[in-house]
Amino acid sequence: MPAATTVYELRVYHAPSGKLPELLARFREHTLKLFEKHGIKSVAYWTPADEPDKSNTLIYILQHPSREAAAANWKSFQDDPEWKSVHEKSEANGKLVEKIESTFLTLTDFSPRLP
């Protein structure tokens, strides 16, 4: 069972038209491995089933031991030379993300437990 300080982060990425496949490839091939390296635990990833969001949106949830750990892990991730290289190369033909929404969540006492 997650510790009382555990937080979940809901992230929604809005990709420019036609860029979602490249964004998904970056996650599949690089980002998840780098998240793990920096202590960022992936819970699940989704793309919407219906338009208009189906073709340009990635939604995912991360688990962090605490808000402080989240901030430290994100900083470590963003400062990683490998991430900087992957990010730069993947956006050589234009940005893959126009907007990022991030919401921190805590489980309610009646929620089914997550792994």
N, C-alpha and C. Protein backbone atom coordinates (compact mmCIF):
# COMPACT_ATOMS: atom_id res chain seq x y z
N MET A 1 0.85 -1.18 0.00
CA MET A 1 0.00 0.00 0.00
C MET A 1 0.89 1.25 0.00
N PRO A 2 0.58 2.24 -0.86
CA PRO A 2 1.42 3.44 -0.92
C PRO A 2 1.43 4.19 0.41
N ALA A 3 2.55 4.83 0.68
CA ALA A 3 2.68 5.62 1.90
C ALA A 3 1.72 6.80 1.88
N ALA A 4 1.45 7.35 3.05
CA ALA A 4 0.49 8.45 3.18
C ALA A 4 0.91 9.68 2.38
N THR A 5 2.21 9.85 2.17
CA THR A 5 2.67 11.03 1.43
C THR A 5 2.67 10.82 -0.09
N THR A 6 2.39 9.60 -0.54
CA THR A 6 2.39 9.30 -1.97
C THR A 6 1.42 10.21 -2.70
N VAL A 7 1.91 10.75 -3.83
CA VAL A 7 1.05 11.56 -4.68
C VAL A 7 1.09 11.00 -6.10
N TYR A 8 0.03 11.24 -6.80
CA TYR A 8 -0.07 10.86 -8.20
C TYR A 8 -0.11 12.14 -9.01
N GLU A 9 0.48 12.09 -10.18
CA GLU A 9 0.50 13.26 -11.05
C GLU A 9 -0.18 12.90 -12.36
N LEU A 10 -1.26 13.59 -12.64
CA LEU A 10 -1.98 13.44 -13.90
C LEU A 10 -1.38 14.45 -14.88
N ARG A 11 -0.89 13.96 -16.00
CA ARG A 11 -0.28 14.85 -16.99
C ARG A 11 -1.00 14.68 -18.33
N VAL A 12 -1.30 15.79 -18.95
CA VAL A 12 -1.96 15.80 -20.25
C VAL A 12 -1.08 16.60 -21.21
N TYR A 13 -0.65 15.95 -22.28
CA TYR A 13 0.19 16.60 -23.28
C TYR A 13 -0.65 16.82 -24.54
N HIS A 14 -0.63 18.04 -25.03
CA HIS A 14 -1.33 18.40 -26.26
C HIS A 14 -0.27 18.59 -27.34
N ALA A 15 -0.30 17.74 -28.35
CA ALA A 15 0.69 17.77 -29.43
C ALA A 15 0.18 18.62 -30.60
N PRO A 16 1.10 19.27 -31.31
CA PRO A 16 0.69 19.95 -32.54
C PRO A 16 0.13 18.94 -33.55
N SER A 17 -0.66 19.40 -34.46
CA SER A 17 -1.27 18.54 -35.48
C SER A 17 -0.20 17.68 -36.16
N GLY A 18 -0.45 16.37 -36.21
CA GLY A 18 0.43 15.43 -36.88
C GLY A 18 1.63 14.97 -36.08
N LYS A 19 1.83 15.49 -34.86
CA LYS A 19 3.03 15.18 -34.08
C LYS A 19 2.84 14.09 -33.02
N LEU A 20 1.59 13.65 -32.77
CA LEU A 20 1.37 12.66 -31.72
C LEU A 20 2.17 11.37 -31.94
N PRO A 21 2.22 10.82 -33.16
CA PRO A 21 3.01 9.59 -33.33
C PRO A 21 4.48 9.77 -32.92
N GLU A 22 5.05 10.93 -33.21
CA GLU A 22 6.44 11.18 -32.82
C GLU A 22 6.58 11.31 -31.30
N LEU A 23 5.59 11.95 -30.67
CA LEU A 23 5.61 12.07 -29.22
C LEU A 23 5.50 10.70 -28.57
N LEU A 24 4.59 9.87 -29.06
CA LEU A 24 4.44 8.51 -28.52
C LEU A 24 5.72 7.71 -28.70
N ALA A 25 6.36 7.86 -29.84
CA ALA A 25 7.62 7.15 -30.09
C ALA A 25 8.70 7.60 -29.11
N ARG A 26 8.75 8.91 -28.82
CA ARG A 26 9.76 9.40 -27.87
C ARG A 26 9.53 8.78 -26.49
N PHE A 27 8.26 8.72 -26.07
CA PHE A 27 7.95 8.08 -24.78
C PHE A 27 8.34 6.62 -24.82
N ARG A 28 7.92 5.91 -25.87
CA ARG A 28 8.15 4.47 -25.99
C ARG A 28 9.65 4.15 -26.00
N GLU A 29 10.42 4.93 -26.74
CA GLU A 29 11.83 4.61 -26.98
C GLU A 29 12.79 5.23 -25.97
N HIS A 30 12.39 6.32 -25.30
CA HIS A 30 13.35 7.01 -24.44
C HIS A 30 12.80 7.45 -23.08
N THR A 31 11.66 8.13 -23.10
CA THR A 31 11.20 8.83 -21.90
C THR A 31 10.95 7.89 -20.73
N LEU A 32 10.25 6.77 -20.96
CA LEU A 32 9.94 5.88 -19.83
C LEU A 32 11.21 5.36 -19.16
N LYS A 33 12.21 5.03 -19.95
CA LYS A 33 13.48 4.54 -19.41
C LYS A 33 14.14 5.65 -18.56
N LEU A 34 14.07 6.89 -19.05
CA LEU A 34 14.66 8.00 -18.30
C LEU A 34 13.85 8.32 -17.05
N PHE A 35 12.52 8.21 -17.13
CA PHE A 35 11.70 8.39 -15.93
C PHE A 35 12.16 7.41 -14.85
N GLU A 36 12.30 6.14 -15.23
CA GLU A 36 12.70 5.11 -14.27
C GLU A 36 14.06 5.43 -13.66
N LYS A 37 14.98 5.86 -14.50
CA LYS A 37 16.34 6.23 -14.04
C LYS A 37 16.29 7.32 -12.97
N HIS A 38 15.29 8.22 -13.07
CA HIS A 38 15.21 9.35 -12.15
C HIS A 38 14.15 9.18 -11.07
N GLY A 39 13.69 7.93 -10.87
CA GLY A 39 12.77 7.65 -9.77
C GLY A 39 11.34 8.08 -10.01
N ILE A 40 10.99 8.31 -11.26
CA ILE A 40 9.62 8.70 -11.62
C ILE A 40 8.89 7.43 -12.05
N LYS A 41 7.89 7.02 -11.26
CA LYS A 41 7.20 5.75 -11.50
C LYS A 41 5.96 5.95 -12.39
N SER A 42 5.96 5.27 -13.52
CA SER A 42 4.81 5.31 -14.44
C SER A 42 3.70 4.41 -13.92
N VAL A 43 2.46 4.94 -13.93
CA VAL A 43 1.29 4.14 -13.55
C VAL A 43 0.59 3.64 -14.82
N ALA A 44 0.24 4.56 -15.73
CA ALA A 44 -0.44 4.17 -16.97
C ALA A 44 -0.41 5.33 -17.95
N TYR A 45 -0.56 5.00 -19.23
CA TYR A 45 -0.57 5.97 -20.32
C TYR A 45 -1.78 5.69 -21.20
N TRP A 46 -2.41 6.77 -21.66
CA TRP A 46 -3.59 6.64 -22.51
C TRP A 46 -3.56 7.66 -23.65
N THR A 47 -4.27 7.33 -24.72
CA THR A 47 -4.64 8.31 -25.72
C THR A 47 -6.17 8.27 -25.77
N PRO A 48 -6.82 9.42 -25.96
CA PRO A 48 -8.28 9.44 -26.01
C PRO A 48 -8.82 8.59 -27.16
N ALA A 49 -10.00 8.02 -26.94
CA ALA A 49 -10.63 7.16 -27.95
C ALA A 49 -11.36 7.97 -29.03
N ASP A 50 -11.72 9.21 -28.72
CA ASP A 50 -12.54 9.99 -29.64
C ASP A 50 -11.88 11.31 -30.02
N GLU A 51 -12.24 11.77 -31.21
CA GLU A 51 -11.80 13.10 -31.65
C GLU A 51 -12.60 14.15 -30.88
N PRO A 52 -12.10 15.35 -30.70
CA PRO A 52 -10.93 15.90 -31.37
C PRO A 52 -9.60 15.56 -30.69
N ASP A 53 -9.62 15.00 -29.49
CA ASP A 53 -8.38 14.77 -28.74
C ASP A 53 -7.60 13.53 -29.17
N LYS A 54 -8.28 12.60 -29.85
CA LYS A 54 -7.66 11.33 -30.22
C LYS A 54 -6.34 11.51 -30.98
N SER A 55 -6.29 12.49 -31.85
CA SER A 55 -5.14 12.62 -32.73
C SER A 55 -4.04 13.54 -32.20
N ASN A 56 -4.24 14.12 -31.00
CA ASN A 56 -3.20 15.03 -30.54
C ASN A 56 -2.98 15.05 -29.02
N THR A 57 -3.47 14.03 -28.30
CA THR A 57 -3.39 14.09 -26.84
C THR A 57 -2.82 12.80 -26.25
N LEU A 58 -1.91 12.96 -25.31
CA LEU A 58 -1.38 11.87 -24.50
C LEU A 58 -1.70 12.19 -23.05
N ILE A 59 -2.28 11.22 -22.35
CA ILE A 59 -2.64 11.39 -20.94
C ILE A 59 -1.92 10.29 -20.15
N TYR A 60 -1.30 10.68 -19.04
CA TYR A 60 -0.66 9.64 -18.23
C TYR A 60 -0.64 10.03 -16.77
N ILE A 61 -0.41 9.00 -15.94
CA ILE A 61 -0.33 9.19 -14.50
C ILE A 61 1.00 8.63 -14.00
N LEU A 62 1.64 9.43 -13.15
CA LEU A 62 2.88 9.04 -12.50
C LEU A 62 2.65 8.94 -11.01
N GLN A 63 3.47 8.17 -10.33
CA GLN A 63 3.41 8.06 -8.88
C GLN A 63 4.73 8.57 -8.30
N HIS A 64 4.61 9.40 -7.26
CA HIS A 64 5.79 9.96 -6.59
C HIS A 64 5.67 9.68 -5.09
N PRO A 65 6.79 9.47 -4.40
CA PRO A 65 6.74 9.25 -2.95
C PRO A 65 6.19 10.46 -2.19
N SER A 66 6.38 11.66 -2.75
CA SER A 66 5.91 12.90 -2.13
C SER A 66 6.00 14.01 -3.16
N ARG A 67 5.41 15.17 -2.84
CA ARG A 67 5.53 16.33 -3.73
C ARG A 67 6.99 16.77 -3.84
N GLU A 68 7.72 16.70 -2.73
CA GLU A 68 9.12 17.10 -2.72
C GLU A 68 9.95 16.17 -3.61
N ALA A 69 9.67 14.87 -3.51
CA ALA A 69 10.38 13.91 -4.36
C ALA A 69 10.05 14.15 -5.83
N ALA A 70 8.80 14.48 -6.11
CA ALA A 70 8.40 14.77 -7.49
C ALA A 70 9.22 15.93 -8.04
N ALA A 71 9.31 17.00 -7.27
CA ALA A 71 10.06 18.18 -7.72
C ALA A 71 11.53 17.83 -7.95
N ALA A 72 12.12 17.09 -7.03
CA ALA A 72 13.53 16.72 -7.15
C ALA A 72 13.76 15.79 -8.35
N ASN A 73 12.85 14.82 -8.53
CA ASN A 73 13.00 13.87 -9.63
C ASN A 73 12.81 14.54 -10.99
N TRP A 74 11.85 15.46 -11.08
CA TRP A 74 11.63 16.19 -12.34
C TRP A 74 12.86 17.03 -12.66
N LYS A 75 13.44 17.68 -11.66
CA LYS A 75 14.63 18.50 -11.90
C LYS A 75 15.77 17.62 -12.39
N SER A 76 15.97 16.50 -11.73
CA SER A 76 17.02 15.56 -12.12
C SER A 76 16.81 15.09 -13.56
N PHE A 77 15.57 14.76 -13.90
CA PHE A 77 15.22 14.31 -15.26
C PHE A 77 15.53 15.40 -16.28
N GLN A 78 15.04 16.62 -16.01
CA GLN A 78 15.21 17.72 -16.96
C GLN A 78 16.67 18.13 -17.13
N ASP A 79 17.49 17.91 -16.11
CA ASP A 79 18.91 18.25 -16.18
C ASP A 79 19.77 17.14 -16.79
N ASP A 80 19.19 15.97 -17.03
CA ASP A 80 19.93 14.82 -17.55
C ASP A 80 20.41 15.10 -18.98
N PRO A 81 21.71 14.99 -19.23
CA PRO A 81 22.23 15.23 -20.58
C PRO A 81 21.60 14.31 -21.63
N GLU A 82 21.29 13.07 -21.25
CA GLU A 82 20.67 12.15 -22.20
C GLU A 82 19.29 12.66 -22.59
N TRP A 83 18.49 13.14 -21.61
CA TRP A 83 17.17 13.69 -21.92
C TRP A 83 17.30 14.92 -22.81
N LYS A 84 18.25 15.79 -22.49
CA LYS A 84 18.43 17.00 -23.30
C LYS A 84 18.73 16.64 -24.74
N SER A 85 19.55 15.63 -24.95
CA SER A 85 19.90 15.18 -26.29
C SER A 85 18.69 14.59 -27.00
N VAL A 86 17.97 13.69 -26.33
CA VAL A 86 16.77 13.06 -26.90
C VAL A 86 15.75 14.14 -27.26
N HIS A 87 15.53 15.06 -26.34
CA HIS A 87 14.54 16.12 -26.55
C HIS A 87 14.91 16.96 -27.77
N GLU A 88 16.16 17.37 -27.85
CA GLU A 88 16.62 18.20 -28.96
C GLU A 88 16.49 17.48 -30.29
N LYS A 89 16.95 16.22 -30.34
CA LYS A 89 16.89 15.45 -31.59
C LYS A 89 15.45 15.19 -32.01
N SER A 90 14.58 14.88 -31.04
CA SER A 90 13.18 14.54 -31.38
C SER A 90 12.40 15.76 -31.86
N GLU A 91 12.89 16.96 -31.53
CA GLU A 91 12.18 18.16 -31.94
C GLU A 91 12.91 18.91 -33.05
N ALA A 92 13.79 18.22 -33.76
CA ALA A 92 14.54 18.84 -34.87
C ALA A 92 13.59 19.37 -35.94
N ASN A 93 12.45 18.70 -36.12
CA ASN A 93 11.47 19.12 -37.14
C ASN A 93 10.27 19.80 -36.52
N GLY A 94 10.42 20.36 -35.34
CA GLY A 94 9.32 21.08 -34.69
C GLY A 94 8.97 20.48 -33.34
N LYS A 95 8.37 21.32 -32.50
CA LYS A 95 7.97 20.90 -31.15
C LYS A 95 6.98 19.74 -31.21
N LEU A 96 7.08 18.84 -30.23
CA LEU A 96 6.16 17.71 -30.14
C LEU A 96 5.03 17.99 -29.14
N VAL A 97 5.18 19.03 -28.32
CA VAL A 97 4.18 19.35 -27.31
C VAL A 97 3.90 20.85 -27.33
N GLU A 98 2.62 21.20 -27.47
CA GLU A 98 2.22 22.61 -27.43
C GLU A 98 1.88 23.06 -26.03
N LYS A 99 1.30 22.14 -25.24
CA LYS A 99 0.82 22.50 -23.90
C LYS A 99 0.89 21.28 -23.01
N ILE A 100 1.31 21.48 -21.75
CA ILE A 100 1.34 20.42 -20.75
C ILE A 100 0.48 20.86 -19.57
N GLU A 101 -0.42 19.98 -19.17
CA GLU A 101 -1.22 20.22 -17.96
C GLU A 101 -0.76 19.19 -16.92
N SER A 102 -0.53 19.65 -15.70
CA SER A 102 -0.10 18.77 -14.62
C SER A 102 -0.96 19.03 -13.39
N THR A 103 -1.53 17.95 -12.85
CA THR A 103 -2.36 18.03 -11.65
C THR A 103 -1.90 16.97 -10.67
N PHE A 104 -1.55 17.38 -9.44
CA PHE A 104 -1.18 16.41 -8.41
C PHE A 104 -2.44 15.94 -7.71
N LEU A 105 -2.50 14.64 -7.44
CA LEU A 105 -3.69 14.00 -6.87
C LEU A 105 -3.31 13.17 -5.66
N THR A 106 -4.23 13.08 -4.71
CA THR A 106 -4.07 12.14 -3.60
C THR A 106 -5.27 11.20 -3.62
N LEU A 107 -5.02 9.95 -3.30
CA LEU A 107 -6.11 8.96 -3.27
C LEU A 107 -7.07 9.28 -2.13
N THR A 108 -8.35 9.08 -2.40
CA THR A 108 -9.34 9.21 -1.34
C THR A 108 -9.29 7.95 -0.46
N ASP A 109 -9.88 8.02 0.71
CA ASP A 109 -9.88 6.87 1.61
C ASP A 109 -10.75 5.72 1.10
N PHE A 110 -11.63 6.00 0.13
CA PHE A 110 -12.52 4.95 -0.40
C PHE A 110 -12.07 4.45 -1.77
N SER A 111 -10.95 4.97 -2.29
CA SER A 111 -10.46 4.55 -3.59
C SER A 111 -9.91 3.14 -3.53
N PRO A 112 -10.13 2.37 -4.60
CA PRO A 112 -9.40 1.09 -4.67
C PRO A 112 -7.91 1.40 -4.67
N ARG A 113 -7.15 0.58 -4.03
CA ARG A 113 -5.69 0.79 -3.95
C ARG A 113 -5.07 0.54 -5.31
N LEU A 114 -4.08 1.36 -5.61
CA LEU A 114 -3.32 1.17 -6.85
C LEU A 114 -2.05 0.40 -6.53
N PRO A 115 -1.50 -0.28 -7.54
CA PRO A 115 -0.27 -1.05 -7.30
C PRO A 115 0.89 -0.16 -6.92
